[in-house]
Amino acid sequence: IPLYIGVLITVLDTLSFLFLDKYKLRRLELLFGFLITTMAVSFGYQYIVTDIPQINVIEGMFLPWSSDYRPGTLLQAVGIIGAVIMPHNLYLHSALVKSRTINRNNVKEVKKANRYYFIEASIALAVSFVINVFVVSVFAHDVYGKTNQDVIDACSNSSFADDIISAFIANNYTADINIYKGGLVLGCFYGGLSILEDLTKMNDILNAVMALQLPFAAIPTVAFSSSLALMKADFVNGRLEKIISITLSFTVIGINLYFIVANLEQVNLTPLMIFGVVLFGTFYIAFNLYLLLHMMVNLGNKAVASNWAIKRFVLDNSHLFSNLNGNGM
């Protein structure tokens, strides 16, 4: 169908979904569940019947640099992290528990709701990972490195019809999720333009920028959830939660820093560009350092919190240490 017809369809079904949300949330969830199931079954079937070397899938998943590695793929890999684990998703998934009617003054009910939403979010991420493996593997096998005529011939094959249906549903589902979070006009406009090669590269860069923003959401999330003043004794992070969350946060920051260095090595920088990179890099590292110090204070690190500079310029949290009861690190 023509591009403008696709845009109109997206606008129509998005408005319908927004209306359905106001009517009843469960029905909206059921509709999205149907779209996700259709996409998973279609791509899963194509993944099974297509002769995809499984060893290559595993190698590309865990050791992407072992063979046929191109430096440009780093941008796409980091972009995928930014697109799938976007900063606002940390707050979006955390806030889902507020959509259910529970007695928030009852500690047991709140803990039960948190437990179920932890399971739900884990299942959602696992399903998303599996579907993305299906999608990337199928299109890498059937489309990547092929000429336009090869792609036309493949699409003309009836066995490729599942991919066409899945791609249509995936595009509509992705667009609806993004638009549902507030970007109706921009989502439709940019979604149509992204078929252009240069704008596809720009899309990768924008996804990578979102990955760069992850520390700005991840570190405060760890700090807030570890703050006894905010979470109280019943819901503040324990030692294991702190270790896991800190490890993940540092892993994300390390990936981002490696991404910056690796890509700067491929660019011929002018003196003015070097100045801009140094200025931005200094601000980026300094702000991340500020967030880390803030997080360490909330984690209960007395050595950091007792420093006069930290108390004055970051956070004075010393009055809470007497109430930590062994939860601090």
Protein backbone atom coordinates (compact mmCIF):
# COMPACT_ATOMS: atom_id res chain seq x y z
CA ILE A 1 0.00 0.00 0.00
CA PRO A 2 1.15 3.60 -0.51
CA LEU A 3 3.05 5.20 2.33
CA TYR A 4 0.41 7.83 3.07
CA ILE A 5 -2.25 5.11 3.37
CA GLY A 6 -0.06 3.34 5.92
CA VAL A 7 0.29 6.57 7.90
CA LEU A 8 -3.49 7.08 7.86
CA ILE A 9 -4.06 3.51 9.04
CA THR A 10 -1.60 4.05 11.89
CA VAL A 11 -3.35 7.26 12.92
CA LEU A 12 -6.75 5.56 12.81
CA ASP A 13 -5.81 2.48 14.82
CA THR A 14 -3.86 4.59 17.33
CA LEU A 15 -6.87 6.80 18.03
CA SER A 16 -8.94 3.63 18.35
CA PHE A 17 -6.48 2.23 20.90
CA LEU A 18 -6.52 5.45 22.89
CA PHE A 19 -10.31 5.29 22.95
CA LEU A 20 -10.16 1.64 23.99
CA ASP A 21 -7.84 2.56 26.85
CA LYS A 22 -10.41 5.00 28.19
CA TYR A 23 -13.09 2.35 27.85
CA LYS A 24 -11.30 -0.47 29.67
CA LEU A 25 -7.57 -1.16 30.23
CA ARG A 26 -7.91 -4.93 30.11
CA ARG A 27 -9.29 -4.81 26.57
CA LEU A 28 -6.36 -2.70 25.44
CA GLU A 29 -3.97 -5.20 27.01
CA LEU A 30 -5.82 -8.03 25.26
CA LEU A 31 -5.47 -6.29 21.89
CA PHE A 32 -1.75 -5.70 22.35
CA GLY A 33 -1.39 -9.29 23.49
CA PHE A 34 -3.06 -10.45 20.27
CA LEU A 35 -0.69 -8.34 18.15
CA ILE A 36 2.37 -9.60 20.02
CA THR A 37 1.21 -13.22 19.77
CA THR A 38 0.59 -12.92 16.03
CA MET A 39 4.02 -11.41 15.52
CA ALA A 40 5.72 -14.06 17.68
CA VAL A 41 3.97 -16.99 16.02
CA SER A 42 4.56 -15.69 12.47
CA PHE A 43 8.23 -14.90 12.93
CA GLY A 44 8.72 -18.01 15.07
CA TYR A 45 7.31 -20.19 12.29
CA GLN A 46 9.51 -18.49 9.70
CA TYR A 47 12.52 -18.85 12.00
CA ILE A 48 11.91 -22.61 12.25
CA VAL A 49 11.29 -23.31 8.55
CA THR A 50 14.13 -21.05 7.37
CA ASP A 51 17.51 -22.73 7.23
CA ILE A 52 19.21 -20.39 9.71
CA PRO A 53 22.59 -21.61 11.07
CA GLN A 54 21.92 -21.71 14.81
CA ILE A 55 25.61 -21.58 15.67
CA ASN A 56 25.81 -18.23 13.89
CA VAL A 57 22.84 -16.92 15.86
CA ILE A 58 24.47 -17.91 19.15
CA GLU A 59 27.82 -16.52 18.06
CA GLY A 60 26.29 -13.22 17.00
CA MET A 61 24.35 -13.03 20.25
CA PHE A 62 27.23 -13.61 22.66
CA LEU A 63 30.43 -13.13 20.59
CA PRO A 64 29.54 -10.59 17.88
CA TRP A 65 33.18 -9.58 17.36
CA SER A 66 34.47 -13.11 16.67
CA SER A 67 33.87 -13.10 12.89
CA ASP A 68 32.66 -10.77 10.13
CA TYR A 69 32.70 -7.91 12.60
CA ARG A 70 32.35 -4.41 11.21
CA PRO A 71 32.97 -1.32 13.37
CA GLY A 72 29.73 0.23 12.14
CA THR A 73 27.69 -2.50 13.81
CA LEU A 74 28.67 -1.13 17.21
CA LEU A 75 26.43 1.88 16.60
CA GLN A 76 23.51 -0.41 15.78
CA ALA A 77 24.15 -2.62 18.81
CA VAL A 78 24.21 0.32 21.21
CA GLY A 79 21.24 1.76 19.36
CA ILE A 80 19.27 -1.42 20.02
CA ILE A 81 20.05 -1.08 23.73
CA GLY A 82 18.85 2.51 23.61
CA ALA A 83 15.72 1.63 21.67
CA VAL A 84 14.70 -1.40 23.73
CA ILE A 85 15.78 -0.22 27.18
CA MET A 86 14.96 3.46 26.83
CA PRO A 87 15.40 5.73 29.85
CA HIS A 88 11.69 6.35 30.32
CA ASN A 89 11.02 2.61 30.35
CA LEU A 90 12.72 2.39 33.75
CA TYR A 91 10.04 4.67 35.12
CA LEU A 92 7.27 3.39 32.85
CA HIS A 93 7.59 -0.22 34.02
CA SER A 94 8.07 0.89 37.62
CA ALA A 95 4.91 3.00 37.45
CA LEU A 96 2.75 0.19 36.05
CA VAL A 97 2.00 -0.96 39.57
CA LYS A 98 0.05 2.27 40.08
CA SER A 99 -2.47 1.20 37.44
CA ARG A 100 -3.95 -1.43 39.76
CA THR A 101 -6.36 -0.68 42.57
CA ILE A 102 -4.80 -1.80 45.84
CA ASN A 103 -4.69 -0.54 49.41
CA ARG A 104 -1.43 1.38 49.35
CA ASN A 105 -1.44 1.73 53.11
CA ASN A 106 -1.23 -2.05 53.42
CA VAL A 107 2.43 -3.10 53.21
CA LYS A 108 1.60 -6.72 52.32
CA GLU A 109 -0.60 -5.71 49.39
CA VAL A 110 2.04 -3.34 48.02
CA LYS A 111 4.74 -6.01 48.30
CA LYS A 112 2.48 -8.51 46.56
CA ALA A 113 1.78 -6.05 43.73
CA ASN A 114 5.49 -5.31 43.34
CA ARG A 115 6.27 -9.02 43.17
CA TYR A 116 3.71 -9.69 40.46
CA TYR A 117 4.85 -6.70 38.41
CA PHE A 118 8.44 -7.85 38.70
CA ILE A 119 7.38 -11.19 37.22
CA GLU A 120 5.31 -9.45 34.54
CA ALA A 121 8.15 -7.13 33.51
CA SER A 122 10.60 -10.06 33.40
CA ILE A 123 8.29 -12.07 31.17
CA ALA A 124 7.72 -9.06 28.90
CA LEU A 125 11.47 -8.48 28.47
CA ALA A 126 12.10 -12.18 27.86
CA VAL A 127 9.37 -12.38 25.21
CA SER A 128 10.67 -9.17 23.62
CA PHE A 129 14.17 -10.67 23.46
CA VAL A 130 12.96 -13.88 21.82
CA ILE A 131 10.84 -12.00 19.26
CA ASN A 132 13.76 -9.72 18.41
CA VAL A 133 15.97 -12.78 17.87
CA PHE A 134 13.36 -14.17 15.47
CA VAL A 135 12.98 -10.86 13.60
CA VAL A 136 16.69 -10.08 13.26
CA SER A 137 17.61 -13.66 12.30
CA VAL A 138 14.89 -14.06 9.67
CA PHE A 139 15.55 -10.75 7.95
CA ALA A 140 19.32 -11.15 8.21
CA HIS A 141 19.01 -14.51 6.47
CA ASP A 142 16.41 -13.56 3.84
CA VAL A 143 17.09 -9.88 3.15
CA TYR A 144 20.56 -8.79 4.29
CA GLY A 145 23.11 -8.55 1.50
CA LYS A 146 20.49 -9.19 -1.19
CA THR A 147 19.70 -7.04 -4.20
CA ASN A 148 16.34 -5.35 -4.65
CA GLN A 149 15.31 -8.03 -7.15
CA ASP A 150 16.25 -10.77 -4.68
CA VAL A 151 14.03 -9.15 -2.07
CA ILE A 152 11.15 -8.84 -4.55
CA ASP A 153 11.50 -12.51 -5.47
CA ALA A 154 11.57 -13.49 -1.80
CA CYS A 155 8.47 -11.43 -1.04
CA SER A 156 6.70 -12.98 -4.02
CA ASN A 157 7.26 -16.40 -2.49
CA SER A 158 4.21 -17.52 -0.51
CA SER A 159 6.46 -18.81 2.27
CA PHE A 160 7.51 -15.23 2.91
CA ALA A 161 3.94 -14.10 3.54
CA ASP A 162 4.29 -14.65 7.27
CA ASP A 163 7.12 -12.10 7.33
CA ILE A 164 4.98 -9.54 5.53
CA ILE A 165 2.08 -9.99 7.97
CA SER A 166 4.43 -9.91 10.93
CA ALA A 167 6.25 -6.83 9.69
CA PHE A 168 2.95 -5.02 9.23
CA ILE A 169 1.78 -5.93 12.72
CA ALA A 170 5.17 -5.19 14.24
CA ASN A 171 5.29 -1.76 12.63
CA ASN A 172 1.78 -0.93 13.79
CA TYR A 173 2.38 -2.32 17.28
CA THR A 174 5.67 -0.42 17.69
CA ALA A 175 4.16 2.77 16.35
CA ASP A 176 1.14 2.42 18.60
CA ILE A 177 3.28 1.88 21.70
CA ASN A 178 5.44 4.92 20.92
CA ILE A 179 2.48 7.08 19.99
CA TYR A 180 0.61 5.83 23.02
CA LYS A 181 3.40 7.35 25.08
CA GLY A 182 2.89 10.77 23.58
CA GLY A 183 4.35 11.13 20.11
CA LEU A 184 1.39 10.92 17.73
CA VAL A 185 2.34 13.48 15.08
CA LEU A 186 6.10 13.05 15.35
CA GLY A 187 5.81 9.26 15.40
CA CYS A 188 3.77 9.12 12.20
CA PHE A 189 5.89 11.72 10.43
CA TYR A 190 9.26 10.32 11.35
CA GLY A 191 8.16 6.70 10.95
CA GLY A 192 7.45 7.37 7.27
CA LEU A 193 10.70 9.22 6.70
CA SER A 194 12.81 6.52 8.33
CA ILE A 195 12.73 4.41 5.18
CA LEU A 196 15.33 6.73 3.68
CA GLU A 197 18.91 5.50 4.08
CA ASP A 198 20.36 8.67 5.58
CA LEU A 199 17.47 8.99 8.00
CA THR A 200 17.87 5.34 8.94
CA LYS A 201 21.42 6.15 10.00
CA MET A 202 20.07 9.12 11.90
CA ASN A 203 17.59 6.78 13.57
CA ASP A 204 20.51 4.61 14.74
CA ILE A 205 22.24 7.69 16.13
CA LEU A 206 19.08 8.78 17.95
CA ASN A 207 18.77 5.33 19.48
CA ALA A 208 22.39 5.55 20.59
CA VAL A 209 21.69 8.95 22.13
CA MET A 210 18.93 7.32 24.16
CA ALA A 211 21.51 4.77 25.31
CA LEU A 212 23.74 7.64 26.42
CA GLN A 213 20.85 8.92 28.49
CA LEU A 214 20.39 5.63 30.31
CA PRO A 215 22.74 6.54 33.20
CA PHE A 216 20.65 9.65 33.85
CA ALA A 217 17.70 7.36 34.57
CA ALA A 218 19.40 4.23 35.90
CA ILE A 219 21.57 5.84 38.58
CA PRO A 220 18.82 8.00 40.12
CA THR A 221 16.52 4.95 40.10
CA VAL A 222 19.08 3.03 42.16
CA ALA A 223 19.58 6.05 44.43
CA PHE A 224 15.88 6.67 45.02
CA SER A 225 15.01 3.01 45.59
CA SER A 226 17.93 2.72 48.04
CA SER A 227 16.96 5.83 49.98
CA LEU A 228 15.57 5.04 53.40
CA ALA A 229 13.94 8.47 53.53
CA LEU A 230 11.94 7.80 50.35
CA MET A 231 11.28 4.06 50.47
CA LYS A 232 11.10 3.51 54.24
CA ALA A 233 12.32 0.30 55.84
CA ASP A 234 9.73 -1.94 54.16
CA PHE A 235 10.66 -1.18 50.55
CA VAL A 236 14.24 0.10 50.55
CA ASN A 237 16.69 -1.99 48.49
CA GLY A 238 18.45 -4.79 50.32
CA ARG A 239 22.11 -5.72 49.91
CA LEU A 240 21.49 -8.12 47.00
CA GLU A 241 19.29 -5.62 45.13
CA LYS A 242 21.95 -2.95 45.57
CA ILE A 243 24.71 -5.19 44.22
CA ILE A 244 22.68 -6.23 41.16
CA SER A 245 21.45 -2.72 40.35
CA ILE A 246 24.91 -1.17 40.78
CA THR A 247 26.50 -3.84 38.57
CA LEU A 248 23.95 -3.28 35.81
CA SER A 249 24.34 0.50 36.03
CA PHE A 250 28.12 0.36 35.74
CA THR A 251 27.82 -2.08 32.84
CA VAL A 252 25.59 0.35 30.94
CA ILE A 253 27.91 3.28 31.63
CA GLY A 254 30.91 1.22 30.53
CA ILE A 255 29.20 0.29 27.25
CA ASN A 256 28.40 3.94 26.59
CA LEU A 257 31.96 5.12 27.24
CA TYR A 258 33.36 2.37 25.02
CA PHE A 259 30.89 3.33 22.32
CA ILE A 260 31.98 6.98 22.45
CA VAL A 261 35.69 6.18 22.24
CA ALA A 262 35.28 3.56 19.48
CA ASN A 263 33.24 5.87 17.26
CA LEU A 264 35.41 8.94 17.82
CA GLU A 265 38.39 6.96 16.55
CA GLN A 266 36.66 6.64 13.17
CA VAL A 267 35.94 10.35 12.74
CA ASN A 268 38.34 12.96 11.40
CA LEU A 269 37.82 15.66 13.98
CA THR A 270 38.59 19.31 13.35
CA PRO A 271 39.96 21.43 16.23
CA LEU A 272 36.51 22.92 16.77
CA MET A 273 34.93 19.46 16.86
CA ILE A 274 37.58 18.26 19.30
CA PHE A 275 36.78 21.20 21.56
CA GLY A 276 33.07 20.35 21.40
CA VAL A 277 33.72 16.67 22.14
CA VAL A 278 35.97 17.49 25.09
CA LEU A 279 33.43 19.98 26.44
CA PHE A 280 30.53 17.55 26.11
CA GLY A 281 32.58 14.63 27.44
CA THR A 282 33.65 16.63 30.47
CA PHE A 283 30.07 17.60 31.24
CA TYR A 284 28.82 14.05 30.64
CA ILE A 285 31.42 12.45 32.92
CA ALA A 286 31.04 15.15 35.58
CA PHE A 287 27.27 14.78 35.69
CA ASN A 288 27.54 10.99 35.88
CA LEU A 289 30.06 11.39 38.70
CA TYR A 290 27.61 13.65 40.54
CA LEU A 291 24.88 11.05 40.13
CA LEU A 292 27.22 8.32 41.35
CA LEU A 293 28.15 10.29 44.47
CA HIS A 294 24.46 10.98 45.11
CA MET A 295 23.76 7.26 44.74
CA MET A 296 26.57 6.30 47.10
CA VAL A 297 25.18 8.60 49.79
CA ASN A 298 21.73 7.01 49.44
CA LEU A 299 23.32 3.56 49.54
CA GLY A 300 24.60 4.40 53.02
CA ASN A 301 28.30 4.86 52.30
CA LYS A 302 29.38 6.78 55.41
CA ALA A 303 32.86 7.56 54.10
CA VAL A 304 31.41 9.45 51.15
CA ALA A 305 28.47 10.98 53.00
CA SER A 306 30.67 12.37 55.79
CA ASN A 307 32.81 14.41 53.39
CA TRP A 308 32.09 18.12 53.82
CA ALA A 309 32.07 18.75 50.04
CA ILE A 310 29.54 15.97 49.48
CA LYS A 311 27.32 17.36 52.23
CA ARG A 312 27.44 20.85 50.77
CA PHE A 313 27.27 20.22 47.03
CA VAL A 314 25.64 16.79 46.63
CA LEU A 315 23.44 15.57 49.50
CA ASP A 316 23.46 15.73 53.28
CA ASN A 317 21.98 12.38 54.26
CA SER A 318 23.92 11.78 57.47
CA HIS A 319 20.82 11.94 59.67
CA LEU A 320 19.56 8.68 58.17
CA PHE A 321 22.53 6.48 59.06
CA SER A 322 21.29 5.86 62.57
CA ASN A 323 18.14 4.29 61.08
CA LEU A 324 19.70 2.03 58.45
CA ASN A 325 19.64 -1.04 60.74
CA GLY A 326 22.26 -2.89 58.75
CA ASN A 327 20.78 -2.23 55.30
CA GLY A 328 23.58 0.12 54.17
CA MET A 329 26.66 -0.94 52.24
